[in-house]
Amino acid sequence: MAVAAFLAGACVGSFLNVVIHRLPREESIVSPRSRCPACGREIRARENIPIVSYLVLGGKCAGCGGRISRRYPAVEFLTASGFAAIALLDGPGVPLLRDLLFFSLLVPIAFIDIDHRIIPDELSLGGLAAGLLLSFLPGGNWKESVAGALLGGGLLYATAFLYEKVRGAEGMGGGDIKLLAMIGAFIGWRGTIATIFTGALLGAAGGVLSMRKGGEGLSFMENLILRKLVPHPDRLETSMAPLRLYQRTGLQKLVRHLGILKMFPKPLERMERLLPDLPARPLRQEIHEITPAIGPERGTIGFFLGCVMSLIFSDASRATIRLLSALGYRVITPKNQVCCGAPNMLGGDLAGLQEAAHTNVEIFSGYEVDFIVTDCGGCGAELKKYAHYSEGAAVEEFSAKVRDIAEVLALHAGELALLLQPLPLKVTYHDPCHIAHCQGIRQEPRELLKLIPKLSYQELESADACCGSAGTYNIARPQMSDRILQRKLDTIAASGAQVLVTSNPGCLLQLKKGLAEQLPGVRIMHLTEILAKSLSMPAPCHNI
């Protein structure tokens, strides 16, 4: 049966090549007969045997000798292999017919979308109708099919509608909505949930895998992530919308409750488990460029708002601005600043890193600031090294002004202490590698914590040992990462702390997941969050 399915799939694949070539050009897929795209000669039947003719003719036209695209035999072989695999899994019956048709629709949709960035209605809407009709045959479940179509199409339509209302621009094409409705009609609502979940994480997975490259130059995925996405705050924020929707709709809880995560590769499951509760909006969209000082103004701070801090840990960066304002600093947060370039550095993209440095230096050079402050350890380590990658007095001046938030707050420890109210908590501190090892900042965070009245500080054993996050290490080397994390969790448990404080987003993600699983009674906070919690002075009443 598998052999027969393979042969049938090869023939179907030959027809799908016609669909892929002609449908986007609005040409008939029935007539005329296939012709060589180079010379226009009609291809004879013996020259059009799937896979075989390509091999016999050496990948050339029998008439003009022009090269024939390798895509033709690739589509035929892909379809043939898919048919054989489906036949082995399903066996004879209606489900086999349904799954073969579904696969035959997905193949041309994928290739047409890659080439032309469109999804023809003939395939998506025609497939939707076919999926619904097949669900009424024996072995089908029309209720599951209808629910899947409504969930898939409805959820994407709602997302597109809300995006357009909020941003005033189209954020999703209708083809995607129709496609997911078609998929839902074939695989039901449970499969649709799994599909949406996979789509939300594939971008993140691609970003992680793109960091592991061989050879020189950027791969397609690396170029997409490092050049087309990361340097553009608007695009980066938009890319997080599916994950926020995934959480806000309750889909995350349902996915976890049903155990759907177990169906996916371990890296995807790990990334989903690392995902914390996302803020309703990125901080960059909420704050204004200038936050005034409270009381007499002592100086001006340029605040470098890290990508992850804005997208995920906005409360910590909001607390940073509040603390600086309370100490008399006017805080400027340029809205057009871009990623610090750390992802480019990790990916070996020196040109991308230099471009990020040039952009940020130019932006902050337009303001008269005493310091450029960041509350992200990874950003601080990268910003201080800009002069290593780029030349010029402006770059050196920029890097010389960069400070971690703990360094600036420690300068005013005496004044800050007068503003802090008691917090009767037992607290310990984990040294992020980017802060302790890269920047040599160790004492300042501890001294700041000890300023809080009634706070009991307990030093953590091997506090500067890595937590196992290490950029993408916790995804690329999960077993080793877990062992390192376990060692850290053991020391946290031994400390008896109620709150673990740290100051780098990678550490926050890794340790938050570990604590939730093993030490749910221990809360994790950014340094600025716990200081702001103790701050008696109210938050600035307005931004300018």
Protein backbone atom coordinates (compact mmCIF):
# COMPACT_ATOMS: atom_id res chain seq x y z
CA MET A 1 0.00 0.00 0.00
CA ALA A 2 2.84 2.37 0.83
CA VAL A 3 4.41 1.78 -2.61
CA ALA A 4 1.12 2.50 -4.36
CA ALA A 5 0.70 5.64 -2.26
CA PHE A 6 4.23 6.76 -3.16
CA LEU A 7 3.55 6.37 -6.89
CA ALA A 8 0.21 8.12 -6.60
CA GLY A 9 1.84 10.90 -4.58
CA ALA A 10 4.50 11.40 -7.26
CA CYS A 11 1.78 11.86 -9.88
CA VAL A 12 -0.14 14.25 -7.64
CA GLY A 13 3.12 16.11 -7.01
CA SER A 14 3.58 16.57 -10.74
CA PHE A 15 0.14 18.18 -10.91
CA LEU A 16 0.96 20.32 -7.84
CA ASN A 17 3.93 21.73 -9.75
CA VAL A 18 1.46 23.03 -12.31
CA VAL A 19 -0.67 24.53 -9.53
CA ILE A 20 2.36 26.19 -7.92
CA HIS A 21 3.48 27.71 -11.23
CA ARG A 22 0.15 28.77 -12.72
CA LEU A 23 -2.24 29.65 -9.90
CA PRO A 24 -0.39 32.81 -8.76
CA ARG A 25 -0.31 33.93 -12.41
CA GLU A 26 -4.08 33.38 -12.71
CA GLU A 27 -3.57 30.81 -15.47
CA SER A 28 -5.63 27.68 -16.01
CA ILE A 29 -4.29 24.61 -14.23
CA VAL A 30 -6.07 22.32 -16.73
CA SER A 31 -4.89 23.54 -20.13
CA PRO A 32 -2.74 23.97 -22.12
CA ARG A 33 -0.28 21.10 -21.64
CA SER A 34 2.94 21.78 -19.74
CA ARG A 35 5.72 23.53 -21.67
CA CYS A 36 9.38 24.23 -21.15
CA PRO A 37 9.64 27.68 -19.48
CA ALA A 38 12.78 28.44 -21.53
CA CYS A 39 11.85 27.52 -25.12
CA GLY A 40 8.08 27.05 -24.86
CA ARG A 41 8.23 23.54 -26.32
CA GLU A 42 5.38 21.25 -25.26
CA ILE A 43 6.57 18.56 -22.88
CA ARG A 44 5.75 15.06 -24.14
CA ALA A 45 4.21 12.44 -21.89
CA ARG A 46 7.39 10.32 -21.72
CA GLU A 47 9.34 13.43 -20.69
CA ASN A 48 6.90 14.16 -17.88
CA ILE A 49 7.15 11.01 -15.77
CA PRO A 50 7.42 12.22 -12.16
CA ILE A 51 10.98 12.16 -10.77
CA VAL A 52 12.17 9.63 -13.37
CA SER A 53 12.14 11.96 -16.40
CA TYR A 54 14.14 14.57 -14.52
CA LEU A 55 16.83 12.02 -13.67
CA VAL A 56 16.91 10.48 -17.16
CA LEU A 57 17.17 13.87 -18.88
CA GLY A 58 19.79 15.10 -16.42
CA GLY A 59 17.60 17.96 -15.29
CA LYS A 60 17.49 19.51 -18.80
CA CYS A 61 14.83 20.18 -21.41
CA ALA A 62 14.87 17.52 -24.17
CA GLY A 63 14.40 20.26 -26.76
CA CYS A 64 16.60 23.26 -25.89
CA GLY A 65 18.80 21.73 -23.21
CA GLY A 66 17.84 24.46 -20.72
CA ARG A 67 18.06 23.70 -17.03
CA ILE A 68 14.89 22.56 -15.29
CA SER A 69 14.43 23.79 -11.72
CA ARG A 70 15.18 21.21 -9.05
CA ARG A 71 11.96 22.26 -7.40
CA TYR A 72 9.94 20.10 -9.80
CA PRO A 73 11.37 16.74 -8.68
CA ALA A 74 11.58 18.04 -5.10
CA VAL A 75 7.83 18.72 -4.99
CA GLU A 76 7.13 15.34 -6.60
CA PHE A 77 9.34 13.49 -4.14
CA LEU A 78 8.00 15.44 -1.15
CA THR A 79 4.40 14.68 -2.12
CA ALA A 80 5.19 11.03 -2.84
CA SER A 81 6.94 10.58 0.51
CA GLY A 82 4.11 12.36 2.33
CA PHE A 83 1.50 10.12 0.69
CA ALA A 84 3.46 6.99 1.61
CA ALA A 85 3.87 8.07 5.24
CA ILE A 86 0.19 8.99 5.58
CA ALA A 87 -0.88 5.67 4.06
CA LEU A 88 1.25 3.77 6.56
CA LEU A 89 -0.18 5.76 9.47
CA ASP A 90 -3.86 5.81 8.46
CA GLY A 91 -4.49 2.62 6.54
CA PRO A 92 -7.50 2.32 4.19
CA GLY A 93 -10.57 4.43 4.92
CA VAL A 94 -12.04 7.92 4.91
CA PRO A 95 -9.32 9.39 7.21
CA LEU A 96 -6.74 8.47 4.57
CA LEU A 97 -8.66 10.37 1.88
CA ARG A 98 -9.00 13.39 4.19
CA ASP A 99 -5.34 13.47 5.21
CA LEU A 100 -4.06 13.02 1.63
CA LEU A 101 -6.21 15.91 0.46
CA PHE A 102 -5.08 18.06 3.39
CA PHE A 103 -1.41 17.35 2.61
CA SER A 104 -2.01 18.04 -1.10
CA LEU A 105 -3.34 21.49 -0.19
CA LEU A 106 -0.52 22.38 2.19
CA VAL A 107 2.26 21.64 -0.32
CA PRO A 108 1.28 24.22 -2.97
CA ILE A 109 0.22 26.74 -0.32
CA ALA A 110 3.71 26.56 1.22
CA PHE A 111 5.59 26.97 -2.05
CA ILE A 112 3.33 29.72 -3.41
CA ASP A 113 3.59 31.64 -0.15
CA ILE A 114 7.40 31.39 -0.24
CA ASP A 115 7.57 32.65 -3.84
CA HIS A 116 4.77 35.20 -3.99
CA ARG A 117 3.77 35.96 -0.37
CA ILE A 118 0.15 35.09 -1.15
CA ILE A 119 -2.19 32.25 -0.25
CA PRO A 120 -4.68 31.74 -3.12
CA ASP A 121 -8.34 31.62 -2.10
CA GLU A 122 -8.82 28.67 -4.44
CA LEU A 123 -6.68 26.62 -2.07
CA SER A 124 -7.60 28.07 1.34
CA LEU A 125 -11.35 28.55 0.84
CA GLY A 126 -11.64 25.48 -1.38
CA GLY A 127 -9.78 23.50 1.27
CA LEU A 128 -12.03 24.93 3.99
CA ALA A 129 -15.12 23.72 2.13
CA ALA A 130 -13.56 20.31 1.48
CA GLY A 131 -12.52 19.88 5.11
CA LEU A 132 -16.02 20.69 6.35
CA LEU A 133 -17.70 18.38 3.80
CA LEU A 134 -15.37 15.47 4.58
CA SER A 135 -16.17 15.79 8.27
CA PHE A 136 -19.72 14.56 7.52
CA LEU A 137 -18.44 11.26 6.08
CA PRO A 138 -18.16 8.12 8.24
CA GLY A 139 -15.32 8.50 10.73
CA GLY A 140 -15.51 12.28 10.64
CA ASN A 141 -16.68 14.67 13.33
CA TRP A 142 -18.42 17.72 11.91
CA LYS A 143 -18.65 19.44 15.29
CA GLU A 144 -14.86 19.20 15.76
CA SER A 145 -14.34 20.44 12.20
CA VAL A 146 -16.64 23.45 12.54
CA ALA A 147 -15.16 24.33 15.94
CA GLY A 148 -11.65 24.12 14.51
CA ALA A 149 -12.50 26.37 11.56
CA LEU A 150 -14.19 28.93 13.79
CA LEU A 151 -11.37 28.89 16.35
CA GLY A 152 -8.61 29.16 13.75
CA GLY A 153 -10.17 31.79 11.52
CA GLY A 154 -11.92 33.63 14.34
CA LEU A 155 -8.88 34.00 16.54
CA LEU A 156 -6.70 35.37 13.75
CA TYR A 157 -9.49 37.65 12.55
CA ALA A 158 -9.88 39.04 16.09
CA THR A 159 -6.12 39.57 16.31
CA ALA A 160 -6.02 41.40 12.97
CA PHE A 161 -9.06 43.50 13.89
CA LEU A 162 -7.66 44.57 17.26
CA TYR A 163 -4.23 45.32 15.80
CA GLU A 164 -5.71 47.56 13.12
CA LYS A 165 -7.84 49.38 15.70
CA VAL A 166 -4.90 49.95 18.06
CA ARG A 167 -2.11 50.66 15.56
CA GLY A 168 -4.15 52.11 12.70
CA ALA A 169 -2.52 49.82 10.14
CA GLU A 170 -3.11 46.36 8.75
CA GLY A 171 -1.11 43.80 10.74
CA MET A 172 -2.21 40.54 9.12
CA GLY A 173 -3.38 39.55 5.67
CA GLY A 174 -6.68 37.81 5.03
CA GLY A 175 -4.86 34.83 3.56
CA ASP A 176 -3.50 33.83 6.96
CA ILE A 177 -7.00 33.96 8.46
CA LYS A 178 -8.48 31.76 5.73
CA LEU A 179 -5.54 29.35 5.93
CA LEU A 180 -5.93 28.74 9.66
CA ALA A 181 -9.68 28.31 9.20
CA MET A 182 -8.95 25.65 6.56
CA ILE A 183 -6.44 23.93 8.84
CA GLY A 184 -8.99 23.96 11.66
CA ALA A 185 -11.61 22.33 9.41
CA PHE A 186 -9.28 19.40 8.76
CA ILE A 187 -7.70 18.87 12.18
CA GLY A 188 -10.38 20.08 14.60
CA TRP A 189 -10.17 22.53 17.49
CA ARG A 190 -7.60 20.54 19.50
CA GLY A 191 -5.22 20.40 16.58
CA THR A 192 -5.82 24.08 15.93
CA ILE A 193 -4.71 24.93 19.46
CA ALA A 194 -1.50 22.98 18.86
CA THR A 195 -1.00 24.78 15.53
CA ILE A 196 -1.41 28.23 17.08
CA PHE A 197 0.94 27.31 19.91
CA THR A 198 3.57 26.08 17.45
CA GLY A 199 3.28 29.24 15.37
CA ALA A 200 3.77 31.44 18.43
CA LEU A 201 7.03 29.68 19.32
CA LEU A 202 8.58 28.92 15.92
CA GLY A 203 9.95 32.46 15.58
CA ALA A 204 11.66 32.16 18.94
CA ALA A 205 12.97 28.71 18.03
CA GLY A 206 14.35 30.05 14.77
CA GLY A 207 16.07 32.85 16.64
CA VAL A 208 17.75 30.38 18.98
CA LEU A 209 18.77 27.98 16.22
CA SER A 210 20.05 30.81 14.05
CA MET A 211 22.73 31.48 16.63
CA ARG A 212 24.28 28.09 15.81
CA LYS A 213 25.67 28.56 12.33
CA GLY A 214 28.57 27.27 10.32
CA GLY A 215 30.49 29.10 7.66
CA GLU A 216 30.64 32.81 6.97
CA GLY A 217 27.85 35.27 6.37
CA LEU A 218 24.32 35.33 7.68
CA SER A 219 21.83 32.59 6.93
CA PHE A 220 18.30 33.50 5.88
CA MET A 221 17.03 33.03 9.43
CA GLU A 222 19.91 34.98 10.94
CA ASN A 223 19.33 37.84 8.52
CA LEU A 224 15.62 37.78 9.30
CA ILE A 225 16.13 37.86 13.07
CA LEU A 226 19.29 39.97 13.44
CA ARG A 227 18.73 42.49 10.65
CA LYS A 228 15.00 42.60 9.89
CA LEU A 229 13.53 42.14 13.37
CA VAL A 230 15.82 42.92 16.32
CA PRO A 231 17.01 46.40 15.19
CA HIS A 232 13.42 47.60 14.73
CA PRO A 233 11.54 48.17 18.02
CA ASP A 234 8.13 48.39 16.34
CA ARG A 235 8.56 45.05 14.59
CA LEU A 236 9.95 43.45 17.72
CA GLU A 237 6.96 44.61 19.73
CA THR A 238 4.52 43.41 17.07
CA SER A 239 6.18 39.97 17.03
CA MET A 240 5.27 39.56 20.71
CA ALA A 241 1.55 40.13 20.09
CA PRO A 242 0.76 36.42 19.44
CA LEU A 243 2.39 35.46 22.74
CA ARG A 244 0.42 38.10 24.63
CA LEU A 245 -2.75 36.84 22.96
CA TYR A 246 -1.72 33.27 23.82
CA GLN A 247 -1.67 34.26 27.49
CA ARG A 248 -4.58 36.72 27.60
CA THR A 249 -7.08 34.35 25.96
CA GLY A 250 -6.30 31.58 28.44
CA LEU A 251 -4.85 29.45 25.66
CA GLN A 252 -1.60 29.00 27.60
CA LYS A 253 -3.43 27.51 30.59
CA LEU A 254 -5.43 25.22 28.31
CA VAL A 255 -2.32 24.05 26.45
CA ARG A 256 -0.57 23.23 29.71
CA HIS A 257 -3.63 21.59 31.26
CA LEU A 258 -4.20 19.32 28.25
CA GLY A 259 -0.52 18.37 28.12
CA ILE A 260 -0.21 19.56 24.52
CA LEU A 261 3.37 20.66 25.27
CA LYS A 262 4.39 17.00 25.37
CA MET A 263 3.62 16.72 21.66
CA PHE A 264 6.37 19.17 20.73
CA PRO A 265 10.18 19.00 20.62
CA LYS A 266 11.87 19.63 23.94
CA PRO A 267 13.40 23.01 22.96
CA LEU A 268 9.94 24.43 22.20
CA GLU A 269 8.56 23.08 25.45
CA ARG A 270 11.47 24.60 27.40
CA MET A 271 11.01 28.00 25.79
CA GLU A 272 7.31 27.98 26.61
CA ARG A 273 8.06 27.09 30.23
CA LEU A 274 10.48 30.04 30.43
CA LEU A 275 7.80 32.46 29.27
CA PRO A 276 6.68 34.68 32.18
CA ASP A 277 3.48 36.71 32.33
CA LEU A 278 3.87 39.43 29.73
CA PRO A 279 2.82 43.04 30.39
CA ALA A 280 -0.26 44.30 28.57
CA ARG A 281 1.92 46.69 26.56
CA PRO A 282 5.66 47.16 26.05
CA LEU A 283 7.00 49.87 28.35
CA ARG A 284 8.39 51.81 25.38
CA GLN A 285 4.82 52.46 24.25
CA GLU A 286 3.68 53.66 27.69
CA ILE A 287 6.33 56.08 28.88
CA HIS A 288 7.18 59.46 27.41
CA GLU A 289 10.67 60.55 26.54
CA ILE A 290 11.15 62.85 29.53
CA THR A 291 10.37 62.07 33.16
CA PRO A 292 10.96 65.12 35.39
CA ALA A 293 12.99 65.05 38.58
CA ILE A 294 11.15 65.10 41.88
CA GLY A 295 12.39 68.09 43.81
CA PRO A 296 15.53 70.04 42.86
CA GLU A 297 17.08 68.74 39.67
CA ARG A 298 20.62 67.44 40.18
CA GLY A 299 21.31 66.22 36.65
CA THR A 300 20.08 64.37 33.59
CA ILE A 301 20.11 60.65 32.90
CA GLY A 302 19.81 59.04 29.49
CA PHE A 303 17.95 55.77 30.11
CA PHE A 304 18.80 52.86 27.82
CA LEU A 305 15.65 50.74 27.82
CA GLY A 306 16.63 47.20 26.89
CA CYS A 307 14.44 45.22 24.49
CA VAL A 308 13.68 42.40 26.92
CA MET A 309 13.18 44.81 29.80
CA SER A 310 10.58 46.74 27.81
CA LEU A 311 8.83 43.67 26.40
CA ILE A 312 8.89 41.39 29.47
CA PHE A 313 10.20 43.08 32.63
CA SER A 314 8.59 46.49 32.24
CA ASP A 315 7.86 46.80 35.98
CA ALA A 316 11.59 46.71 36.74
CA SER A 317 12.41 49.46 34.24
CA ARG A 318 9.45 51.52 35.44
CA ALA A 319 10.92 51.20 38.95
CA THR A 320 14.32 52.32 37.62
CA ILE A 321 12.86 55.53 36.25
CA ARG A 322 10.99 56.12 39.50
CA LEU A 323 14.15 55.73 41.61
CA LEU A 324 16.21 58.05 39.43
CA SER A 325 13.45 60.65 39.46
CA ALA A 326 13.16 60.40 43.25
CA LEU A 327 16.88 61.13 43.55
CA GLY A 328 16.54 64.35 41.56
CA TYR A 329 17.44 63.18 38.07
CA ARG A 330 15.61 64.21 34.95
CA VAL A 331 15.31 60.99 32.96
CA ILE A 332 15.33 60.96 29.15
CA THR A 333 14.29 57.71 27.43
CA PRO A 334 14.72 58.15 23.65
CA LYS A 335 11.93 56.33 21.85
CA ASN A 336 14.05 55.71 18.75
CA GLN A 337 16.87 53.84 20.50
CA VAL A 338 17.47 50.33 19.19
CA CYS A 339 18.71 47.00 20.54
CA CYS A 340 22.16 47.19 22.13
CA GLY A 341 23.50 44.64 19.61
CA ALA A 342 24.11 41.75 22.02
CA PRO A 343 22.15 39.28 19.82
CA ASN A 344 24.31 40.31 16.86
CA MET A 345 27.44 39.75 18.91
CA LEU A 346 26.25 36.26 19.92
CA GLY A 347 25.44 35.49 16.29
CA GLY A 348 28.82 36.66 15.01
CA ASP A 349 27.22 39.55 13.11
CA LEU A 350 29.87 42.24 13.59
CA ALA A 351 28.35 44.53 10.94
CA GLY A 352 24.97 44.40 12.67
CA LEU A 353 26.59 45.14 16.02
CA GLN A 354 28.46 48.11 14.58
CA GLU A 355 25.27 49.44 13.03
CA ALA A 356 23.47 49.18 16.40
CA ALA A 357 26.36 50.98 18.10
CA HIS A 358 26.40 53.74 15.50
CA THR A 359 22.63 54.27 15.79
CA ASN A 360 22.54 54.39 19.59
CA VAL A 361 25.62 56.61 19.87
CA GLU A 362 24.10 59.05 17.38
CA ILE A 363 20.77 59.10 19.23
CA PHE A 364 22.17 59.66 22.72
CA SER A 365 24.70 62.19 21.46
CA GLY A 366 21.76 64.45 20.75
CA TYR A 367 21.14 64.88 24.50
CA GLU A 368 23.21 66.46 27.24
CA VAL A 369 23.30 63.71 29.87
CA ASP A 370 25.50 62.99 32.88
CA PHE A 371 25.14 59.22 32.59
CA ILE A 372 23.63 56.64 30.27
CA VAL A 373 21.96 54.17 32.62
CA THR A 374 20.66 50.68 31.99
CA ASP A 375 19.04 48.14 34.31
CA CYS A 376 19.83 45.19 32.02
CA GLY A 377 23.15 43.51 32.79
CA GLY A 378 23.55 42.19 29.24
CA CYS A 379 22.90 45.60 27.71
CA GLY A 380 25.32 47.29 30.10
CA ALA A 381 28.11 44.85 29.27
CA GLU A 382 27.59 45.43 25.54
CA LEU A 383 27.19 49.21 25.69
CA LYS A 384 30.43 49.60 27.62
CA LYS A 385 32.28 47.70 24.87
CA TYR A 386 31.08 49.79 21.92
CA ALA A 387 34.52 51.37 21.63
CA HIS A 388 35.95 47.88 20.99
CA TYR A 389 33.93 47.55 17.78
CA SER A 390 33.72 51.12 16.52
CA GLU A 391 36.11 54.04 16.44
CA GLY A 392 35.64 57.72 17.15
CA ALA A 393 35.45 60.17 20.01
CA ALA A 394 31.64 60.00 20.13
CA VAL A 395 31.72 56.23 20.69
CA GLU A 396 34.32 56.49 23.44
CA GLU A 397 32.36 59.26 25.14
CA PHE A 398 29.19 57.21 24.95
CA SER A 399 30.73 54.08 26.50
CA ALA A 400 32.45 56.15 29.20
CA LYS A 401 29.05 57.44 30.34
CA VAL A 402 27.36 54.03 30.54
CA ARG A 403 26.47 52.90 34.07
CA ASP A 404 24.53 50.03 35.54
CA ILE A 405 21.65 51.33 37.64
CA ALA A 406 23.31 50.00 40.81
CA GLU A 407 26.39 52.15 40.16
CA VAL A 408 24.36 55.37 40.01
CA LEU A 409 22.09 54.55 42.96
CA ALA A 410 25.15 53.69 45.07
CA LEU A 411 26.50 57.21 44.45
CA HIS A 412 23.53 58.55 46.44
CA ALA A 413 23.21 55.77 49.01
CA GLY A 414 22.86 58.18 51.93
CA GLU A 415 20.04 60.14 50.34
CA LEU A 416 18.31 56.99 49.10
CA ALA A 417 18.39 55.47 52.59
CA LEU A 418 16.33 58.39 53.89
CA LEU A 419 13.58 57.62 51.36
CA LEU A 420 13.23 53.92 52.11
CA GLN A 421 10.59 52.38 54.34
CA PRO A 422 10.92 49.06 56.25
CA LEU A 423 10.54 45.76 54.41
CA PRO A 424 10.71 42.87 56.88
CA LEU A 425 11.96 40.31 54.37
CA LYS A 426 14.83 37.84 54.23
CA VAL A 427 16.63 38.51 50.95
CA THR A 428 19.58 37.09 49.05
CA TYR A 429 21.29 38.20 45.84
CA HIS A 430 22.47 36.33 42.74
CA ASP A 431 25.32 37.93 40.78
CA PRO A 432 24.55 37.87 37.05
CA CYS A 433 27.62 36.98 35.00
CA HIS A 434 27.12 40.06 32.80
CA ILE A 435 27.25 42.31 35.85
CA ALA A 436 29.76 40.65 38.18
CA HIS A 437 32.20 39.12 35.68
CA CYS A 438 31.81 41.44 32.68
CA GLN A 439 31.48 44.75 34.54
CA GLY A 440 33.01 43.99 37.93
CA ILE A 441 29.94 45.21 39.83
CA ARG A 442 29.58 43.18 43.02
CA GLN A 443 29.33 45.31 46.13
CA GLU A 444 26.92 48.02 44.97
CA PRO A 445 23.79 45.80 44.74
CA ARG A 446 24.46 44.34 48.18
CA GLU A 447 25.05 47.74 49.74
CA LEU A 448 21.80 49.02 48.25
CA LEU A 449 19.79 46.09 49.59
CA LYS A 450 21.22 46.65 53.07
CA LEU A 451 19.88 50.22 53.01
CA ILE A 452 16.31 48.95 53.32
CA PRO A 453 15.19 49.07 56.98
CA LYS A 454 14.34 45.72 58.62
CA LEU A 455 15.47 43.81 55.54
CA SER A 456 17.57 40.80 56.53
CA TYR A 457 20.28 40.19 53.94
CA GLN A 458 21.69 36.66 53.64
CA GLU A 459 24.74 36.15 51.41
CA LEU A 460 24.24 33.38 48.86
CA GLU A 461 26.85 30.65 48.62
CA SER A 462 28.68 30.87 45.27
CA ALA A 463 26.54 33.88 44.44
CA ASP A 464 28.55 34.68 41.29
CA ALA A 465 28.26 31.14 39.88
CA CYS A 466 26.24 31.00 36.65
CA CYS A 467 22.54 30.13 36.93
CA GLY A 468 22.62 28.11 33.69
CA SER A 469 20.90 30.62 31.42
CA ALA A 470 24.03 31.91 29.66
CA GLY A 471 22.31 33.51 26.69
CA THR A 472 20.82 30.59 24.73
CA TYR A 473 22.70 27.90 26.65
CA ASN A 474 19.59 26.77 28.53
CA ILE A 475 18.00 25.89 25.17
CA ALA A 476 21.05 24.64 23.28
CA ARG A 477 22.47 22.58 26.21
CA PRO A 478 19.43 21.81 28.36
CA GLN A 479 20.85 18.97 30.44
CA MET A 480 23.96 20.86 31.50
CA SER A 481 21.89 24.00 32.07
CA ASP A 482 19.54 22.07 34.35
CA ARG A 483 22.42 20.74 36.43
CA ILE A 484 23.83 24.26 36.85
CA LEU A 485 20.39 25.60 37.72
CA GLN A 486 19.86 22.85 40.30
CA ARG A 487 23.09 23.79 42.05
CA LYS A 488 21.91 27.39 42.21
CA LEU A 489 18.46 26.40 43.50
CA ASP A 490 20.05 24.30 46.24
CA THR A 491 22.03 27.29 47.50
CA ILE A 492 18.93 29.49 47.40
CA ALA A 493 17.00 26.95 49.46
CA ALA A 494 19.87 26.74 51.95
CA SER A 495 19.85 30.53 52.37
CA GLY A 496 16.30 30.48 53.69
CA ALA A 497 15.54 33.64 51.69
CA GLN A 498 12.01 34.73 50.95
CA VAL A 499 13.12 36.89 48.03
CA LEU A 500 15.87 36.34 45.48
CA VAL A 501 17.17 39.53 43.86
CA THR A 502 19.09 39.73 40.59
CA SER A 503 19.47 42.22 37.73
CA ASN A 504 19.68 40.49 34.35
CA PRO A 505 16.70 39.35 32.25
CA GLY A 506 18.27 36.01 31.31
CA CYS A 507 18.81 35.18 34.98
CA LEU A 508 15.32 36.39 35.84
CA LEU A 509 13.76 34.06 33.26
CA GLN A 510 15.85 31.04 34.21
CA LEU A 511 15.55 31.43 37.97
CA LYS A 512 11.86 32.36 37.88
CA LYS A 513 11.11 29.07 36.11
CA GLY A 514 13.30 27.08 38.53
CA LEU A 515 11.79 28.69 41.61
CA ALA A 516 8.23 28.16 40.37
CA GLU A 517 8.91 24.46 39.93
CA GLN A 518 10.93 23.74 43.08
CA LEU A 519 10.73 26.68 45.50
CA PRO A 520 7.33 28.32 44.90
CA GLY A 521 7.56 30.14 48.24
CA VAL A 522 10.57 32.16 47.06
CA ARG A 523 9.84 35.26 45.03
CA ILE A 524 12.29 36.69 42.49
CA MET A 525 12.65 40.45 41.96
CA HIS A 526 14.85 42.82 40.04
CA LEU A 527 17.04 45.03 42.25
CA THR A 528 15.10 48.15 41.28
CA GLU A 529 11.75 46.50 42.00
CA ILE A 530 12.54 45.77 45.64
CA LEU A 531 14.08 49.22 46.15
CA ALA A 532 11.04 50.89 44.59
CA LYS A 533 8.76 48.74 46.76
CA SER A 534 10.49 50.24 49.80
CA LEU A 535 10.44 53.77 48.41
CA SER A 536 8.18 56.03 50.44
CA MET A 537 7.98 58.73 47.79
CA PRO A 538 5.10 58.38 45.29
CA ALA A 539 5.77 57.76 41.60
CA PRO A 540 6.10 60.83 39.34
CA CYS A 541 2.62 62.14 38.66
CA HIS A 542 3.29 62.81 34.99
CA ASN A 543 5.71 62.52 32.14
CA ILE A 544 6.42 65.22 29.62
